[in-house]
Amino acid sequence: MAINCFRYLGFHSFEQVDQLTIAQYEVMMEALELRMLDQDLHEHRQAFLNFAVQAEKKAGKGKTKPVYRRFKQFFDYDSELEKLKNRRKGKKSRFSGIGKLLQKGR
């Protein structure tokens, strides 16, 4: 347990390890495993995108040309940002009504 705390969880002293309960340790280790899985997903997605960006299509007899000639064709950041903003505008925050409730209580 102590070795994992020092190796993976960033602990620097045995005092920190001694103050940790088994339940806390298990939660922290599960969080670490999920973080590592997220990192694996990121790496595999990156590998897939590296492959996809090199795609070519036929351009005549025995010739090919890149499917994506410009980065914006492959990933349009501005368009994705706009979609995200629009999706957030339509969604009400779960805290949106708290201000009204607090004012009523005064």
N, C-alpha and C. Protein backbone atom coordinates (compact mmCIF):
# COMPACT_ATOMS: atom_id res chain seq x y z
N MET A 1 0.83 -1.18 0.00
CA MET A 1 0.00 0.00 0.00
C MET A 1 0.88 1.25 0.00
N ALA A 2 1.88 1.30 0.87
CA ALA A 2 2.73 2.48 0.96
C ALA A 2 3.48 2.72 -0.34
N ILE A 3 3.95 1.64 -0.96
CA ILE A 3 4.69 1.79 -2.22
C ILE A 3 3.81 2.42 -3.29
N ASN A 4 2.55 1.95 -3.40
CA ASN A 4 1.63 2.53 -4.38
C ASN A 4 1.35 4.00 -4.07
N CYS A 5 1.25 4.33 -2.79
CA CYS A 5 1.01 5.73 -2.42
C CYS A 5 2.16 6.62 -2.87
N PHE A 6 3.39 6.14 -2.67
CA PHE A 6 4.55 6.93 -3.08
C PHE A 6 4.70 6.93 -4.61
N ARG A 7 4.50 5.77 -5.22
CA ARG A 7 4.74 5.64 -6.66
C ARG A 7 3.66 6.31 -7.49
N TYR A 8 2.41 6.11 -7.16
CA TYR A 8 1.32 6.55 -8.03
C TYR A 8 0.52 7.75 -7.52
N LEU A 9 0.44 7.92 -6.22
CA LEU A 9 -0.47 8.92 -5.66
C LEU A 9 0.21 10.21 -5.21
N GLY A 10 1.53 10.28 -5.37
CA GLY A 10 2.24 11.51 -5.08
C GLY A 10 2.48 11.78 -3.61
N PHE A 11 2.40 10.75 -2.76
CA PHE A 11 2.67 10.94 -1.34
C PHE A 11 4.16 11.15 -1.15
N HIS A 12 4.53 11.91 -0.11
CA HIS A 12 5.93 12.22 0.13
C HIS A 12 6.41 11.81 1.52
N SER A 13 5.48 11.36 2.38
CA SER A 13 5.91 10.97 3.72
C SER A 13 5.05 9.80 4.22
N PHE A 14 5.59 9.08 5.18
CA PHE A 14 4.85 7.99 5.78
C PHE A 14 3.68 8.51 6.62
N GLU A 15 3.79 9.73 7.09
CA GLU A 15 2.68 10.35 7.82
C GLU A 15 1.43 10.40 6.95
N GLN A 16 1.60 10.79 5.71
CA GLN A 16 0.46 10.86 4.79
C GLN A 16 -0.15 9.47 4.62
N VAL A 17 0.69 8.46 4.49
CA VAL A 17 0.21 7.08 4.30
C VAL A 17 -0.52 6.63 5.56
N ASP A 18 0.01 6.93 6.72
CA ASP A 18 -0.60 6.51 7.98
C ASP A 18 -1.98 7.13 8.21
N GLN A 19 -2.20 8.33 7.70
CA GLN A 19 -3.48 9.01 7.88
C GLN A 19 -4.55 8.51 6.92
N LEU A 20 -4.15 7.73 5.95
CA LEU A 20 -5.07 7.26 4.90
C LEU A 20 -5.84 6.03 5.37
N THR A 21 -7.15 6.05 5.20
CA THR A 21 -7.94 4.86 5.52
C THR A 21 -7.94 3.92 4.32
N ILE A 22 -8.31 2.68 4.56
CA ILE A 22 -8.38 1.70 3.47
C ILE A 22 -9.40 2.14 2.42
N ALA A 23 -10.52 2.65 2.87
CA ALA A 23 -11.56 3.11 1.93
C ALA A 23 -11.04 4.25 1.06
N GLN A 24 -10.33 5.19 1.67
CA GLN A 24 -9.77 6.30 0.91
C GLN A 24 -8.73 5.79 -0.10
N TYR A 25 -7.90 4.87 0.35
CA TYR A 25 -6.89 4.29 -0.53
C TYR A 25 -7.53 3.63 -1.74
N GLU A 26 -8.59 2.85 -1.50
CA GLU A 26 -9.26 2.16 -2.60
C GLU A 26 -9.88 3.14 -3.58
N VAL A 27 -10.46 4.21 -3.09
CA VAL A 27 -11.04 5.22 -3.98
C VAL A 27 -9.95 5.90 -4.79
N MET A 28 -8.85 6.22 -4.15
CA MET A 28 -7.74 6.88 -4.86
C MET A 28 -7.14 5.95 -5.92
N MET A 29 -7.03 4.67 -5.62
CA MET A 29 -6.48 3.73 -6.60
C MET A 29 -7.45 3.54 -7.77
N GLU A 30 -8.76 3.50 -7.48
CA GLU A 30 -9.74 3.40 -8.57
C GLU A 30 -9.68 4.64 -9.46
N ALA A 31 -9.54 5.80 -8.83
CA ALA A 31 -9.43 7.04 -9.61
C ALA A 31 -8.17 7.00 -10.48
N LEU A 32 -7.08 6.48 -9.93
CA LEU A 32 -5.84 6.35 -10.70
C LEU A 32 -6.05 5.43 -11.90
N GLU A 33 -6.71 4.29 -11.69
CA GLU A 33 -6.96 3.36 -12.78
C GLU A 33 -7.82 4.00 -13.87
N LEU A 34 -8.82 4.76 -13.47
CA LEU A 34 -9.67 5.46 -14.45
C LEU A 34 -8.88 6.53 -15.20
N ARG A 35 -8.00 7.24 -14.49
CA ARG A 35 -7.15 8.25 -15.13
C ARG A 35 -6.23 7.60 -16.15
N MET A 36 -5.69 6.41 -15.81
CA MET A 36 -4.82 5.69 -16.74
C MET A 36 -5.61 5.21 -17.95
N LEU A 37 -6.84 4.77 -17.74
CA LEU A 37 -7.69 4.35 -18.85
C LEU A 37 -7.99 5.54 -19.77
N ASP A 38 -8.26 6.69 -19.18
CA ASP A 38 -8.49 7.90 -19.97
C ASP A 38 -7.26 8.24 -20.81
N GLN A 39 -6.07 8.07 -20.23
CA GLN A 39 -4.82 8.32 -20.96
C GLN A 39 -4.68 7.33 -22.12
N ASP A 40 -5.02 6.06 -21.89
CA ASP A 40 -4.97 5.06 -22.96
C ASP A 40 -5.93 5.45 -24.09
N LEU A 41 -7.13 5.89 -23.73
CA LEU A 41 -8.10 6.32 -24.74
C LEU A 41 -7.53 7.47 -25.56
N HIS A 42 -6.92 8.43 -24.90
CA HIS A 42 -6.33 9.58 -25.59
C HIS A 42 -5.24 9.12 -26.56
N GLU A 43 -4.37 8.21 -26.11
CA GLU A 43 -3.28 7.73 -26.96
C GLU A 43 -3.80 6.96 -28.17
N HIS A 44 -4.82 6.13 -27.96
CA HIS A 44 -5.37 5.37 -29.08
C HIS A 44 -6.12 6.28 -30.05
N ARG A 45 -6.82 7.26 -29.53
CA ARG A 45 -7.50 8.22 -30.41
C ARG A 45 -6.48 8.99 -31.24
N GLN A 46 -5.37 9.36 -30.61
CA GLN A 46 -4.31 10.08 -31.32
C GLN A 46 -3.73 9.21 -32.43
N ALA A 47 -3.49 7.94 -32.13
CA ALA A 47 -2.96 7.02 -33.15
C ALA A 47 -3.94 6.88 -34.31
N PHE A 48 -5.24 6.79 -34.00
CA PHE A 48 -6.25 6.68 -35.06
C PHE A 48 -6.28 7.94 -35.91
N LEU A 49 -6.22 9.10 -35.26
CA LEU A 49 -6.24 10.36 -36.02
C LEU A 49 -4.98 10.51 -36.88
N ASN A 50 -3.84 10.06 -36.37
CA ASN A 50 -2.62 10.09 -37.17
C ASN A 50 -2.77 9.26 -38.42
N PHE A 51 -3.45 8.13 -38.30
CA PHE A 51 -3.72 7.28 -39.46
C PHE A 51 -4.73 7.94 -40.40
N ALA A 52 -5.82 8.47 -39.83
CA ALA A 52 -6.89 9.05 -40.65
C ALA A 52 -6.43 10.26 -41.44
N VAL A 53 -5.58 11.07 -40.87
CA VAL A 53 -5.15 12.30 -41.54
C VAL A 53 -4.29 11.99 -42.77
N GLN A 54 -3.73 10.80 -42.84
CA GLN A 54 -2.90 10.40 -43.97
C GLN A 54 -3.72 9.76 -45.10
N ALA A 55 -5.03 9.73 -44.96
CA ALA A 55 -5.89 9.10 -45.96
C ALA A 55 -5.72 9.77 -47.32
N GLU A 56 -5.81 8.95 -48.36
CA GLU A 56 -5.72 9.46 -49.73
C GLU A 56 -6.87 8.92 -50.54
N LYS A 57 -7.19 9.65 -51.63
CA LYS A 57 -8.23 9.19 -52.55
C LYS A 57 -7.66 9.21 -53.96
N LYS A 58 -8.28 8.45 -54.82
CA LYS A 58 -7.80 8.37 -56.20
C LYS A 58 -7.99 9.70 -56.91
N ALA A 59 -7.01 10.04 -57.72
CA ALA A 59 -7.06 11.30 -58.46
C ALA A 59 -6.54 11.05 -59.87
N GLY A 60 -7.19 10.14 -60.54
CA GLY A 60 -6.74 9.80 -61.88
C GLY A 60 -6.10 8.43 -61.91
N LYS A 61 -5.57 8.09 -63.06
CA LYS A 61 -5.01 6.76 -63.26
C LYS A 61 -3.70 6.61 -62.48
N GLY A 62 -3.71 5.77 -61.44
CA GLY A 62 -2.52 5.49 -60.67
C GLY A 62 -2.05 6.63 -59.79
N LYS A 63 -2.86 7.63 -59.61
CA LYS A 63 -2.48 8.77 -58.78
C LYS A 63 -3.43 8.89 -57.59
N THR A 64 -2.92 9.47 -56.52
CA THR A 64 -3.75 9.74 -55.34
C THR A 64 -3.47 11.15 -54.86
N LYS A 65 -4.42 11.65 -54.08
CA LYS A 65 -4.22 12.96 -53.45
C LYS A 65 -4.78 12.87 -52.04
N PRO A 66 -4.29 13.72 -51.14
CA PRO A 66 -4.77 13.68 -49.76
C PRO A 66 -6.25 14.00 -49.67
N VAL A 67 -6.95 13.31 -48.79
CA VAL A 67 -8.35 13.61 -48.54
C VAL A 67 -8.46 14.97 -47.87
N TYR A 68 -7.55 15.25 -46.94
CA TYR A 68 -7.55 16.52 -46.21
C TYR A 68 -6.34 17.32 -46.64
N ARG A 69 -6.57 18.38 -47.39
CA ARG A 69 -5.47 19.21 -47.86
C ARG A 69 -5.09 20.28 -46.85
N ARG A 70 -6.05 20.65 -46.01
CA ARG A 70 -5.81 21.66 -44.98
C ARG A 70 -6.29 21.11 -43.63
N PHE A 71 -5.67 21.60 -42.57
CA PHE A 71 -6.04 21.14 -41.24
C PHE A 71 -7.51 21.42 -40.95
N LYS A 72 -8.01 22.56 -41.39
CA LYS A 72 -9.40 22.93 -41.11
C LYS A 72 -10.39 21.95 -41.73
N GLN A 73 -10.01 21.29 -42.82
CA GLN A 73 -10.87 20.27 -43.40
C GLN A 73 -10.93 19.04 -42.48
N PHE A 74 -9.84 18.78 -41.81
CA PHE A 74 -9.76 17.63 -40.92
C PHE A 74 -10.44 17.92 -39.58
N PHE A 75 -10.21 19.11 -39.06
CA PHE A 75 -10.81 19.50 -37.79
C PHE A 75 -11.07 20.99 -37.80
N ASP A 76 -12.33 21.36 -37.82
CA ASP A 76 -12.72 22.77 -37.83
C ASP A 76 -12.99 23.22 -36.40
N TYR A 77 -11.99 23.78 -35.78
CA TYR A 77 -12.07 24.18 -34.37
C TYR A 77 -13.19 25.19 -34.14
N ASP A 78 -13.28 26.18 -34.99
CA ASP A 78 -14.30 27.22 -34.82
C ASP A 78 -15.71 26.64 -34.87
N SER A 79 -15.94 25.72 -35.80
CA SER A 79 -17.24 25.08 -35.92
C SER A 79 -17.56 24.25 -34.67
N GLU A 80 -16.58 23.50 -34.19
CA GLU A 80 -16.78 22.67 -33.00
C GLU A 80 -17.03 23.54 -31.77
N LEU A 81 -16.33 24.66 -31.67
CA LEU A 81 -16.53 25.58 -30.56
C LEU A 81 -17.93 26.16 -30.59
N GLU A 82 -18.40 26.52 -31.77
CA GLU A 82 -19.75 27.06 -31.91
C GLU A 82 -20.80 26.02 -31.52
N LYS A 83 -20.61 24.77 -31.93
CA LYS A 83 -21.54 23.70 -31.54
C LYS A 83 -21.59 23.54 -30.02
N LEU A 84 -20.42 23.60 -29.40
CA LEU A 84 -20.34 23.47 -27.95
C LEU A 84 -21.06 24.62 -27.25
N LYS A 85 -20.85 25.83 -27.73
CA LYS A 85 -21.51 26.99 -27.14
C LYS A 85 -23.02 26.88 -27.28
N ASN A 86 -23.49 26.47 -28.46
CA ASN A 86 -24.93 26.34 -28.69
C ASN A 86 -25.54 25.26 -27.81
N ARG A 87 -24.82 24.18 -27.61
CA ARG A 87 -25.33 23.10 -26.77
C ARG A 87 -25.42 23.56 -25.32
N ARG A 88 -24.48 24.37 -24.89
CA ARG A 88 -24.49 24.87 -23.51
C ARG A 88 -25.59 25.91 -23.32
N LYS A 89 -25.91 26.70 -24.35
CA LYS A 89 -26.96 27.72 -24.22
C LYS A 89 -28.31 27.06 -23.97
N GLY A 90 -28.58 25.96 -24.65
CA GLY A 90 -29.86 25.29 -24.53
C GLY A 90 -30.02 24.51 -23.24
N LYS A 91 -28.91 24.21 -22.57
CA LYS A 91 -28.96 23.40 -21.36
C LYS A 91 -29.01 24.30 -20.14
N LYS A 92 -30.00 24.07 -19.29
CA LYS A 92 -30.11 24.84 -18.06
C LYS A 92 -29.17 24.25 -17.03
N SER A 93 -28.49 25.10 -16.33
CA SER A 93 -27.62 24.66 -15.25
C SER A 93 -28.48 24.15 -14.09
N ARG A 94 -28.01 23.13 -13.41
CA ARG A 94 -28.77 22.62 -12.27
C ARG A 94 -28.78 23.60 -11.11
N PHE A 95 -27.96 24.63 -11.19
CA PHE A 95 -27.90 25.64 -10.15
C PHE A 95 -28.62 26.92 -10.56
N SER A 96 -29.27 26.94 -11.72
CA SER A 96 -29.85 28.18 -12.23
C SER A 96 -30.95 28.75 -11.34
N GLY A 97 -31.68 27.93 -10.63
CA GLY A 97 -32.77 28.43 -9.80
C GLY A 97 -32.39 28.73 -8.37
N ILE A 98 -31.17 28.46 -7.99
CA ILE A 98 -30.75 28.64 -6.60
C ILE A 98 -30.81 30.11 -6.18
N GLY A 99 -30.43 31.01 -7.07
CA GLY A 99 -30.46 32.44 -6.74
C GLY A 99 -31.86 32.89 -6.36
N LYS A 100 -32.86 32.44 -7.09
CA LYS A 100 -34.24 32.82 -6.78
C LYS A 100 -34.67 32.27 -5.42
N LEU A 101 -34.28 31.02 -5.16
CA LEU A 101 -34.64 30.42 -3.87
C LEU A 101 -33.98 31.15 -2.71
N LEU A 102 -32.73 31.54 -2.89
CA LEU A 102 -32.02 32.25 -1.83
C LEU A 102 -32.64 33.62 -1.56
N GLN A 103 -33.10 34.28 -2.62
CA GLN A 103 -33.72 35.60 -2.44
C GLN A 103 -35.06 35.48 -1.73
N LYS A 104 -35.80 34.43 -1.98
CA LYS A 104 -37.08 34.22 -1.31
C LYS A 104 -36.89 34.00 0.19
N GLY A 105 -35.78 33.36 0.55
CA GLY A 105 -35.53 33.04 1.95
C GLY A 105 -35.13 34.23 2.79
N ARG A 106 -34.81 35.33 2.18
CA ARG A 106 -34.36 36.52 2.94
C ARG A 106 -35.49 37.26 3.54
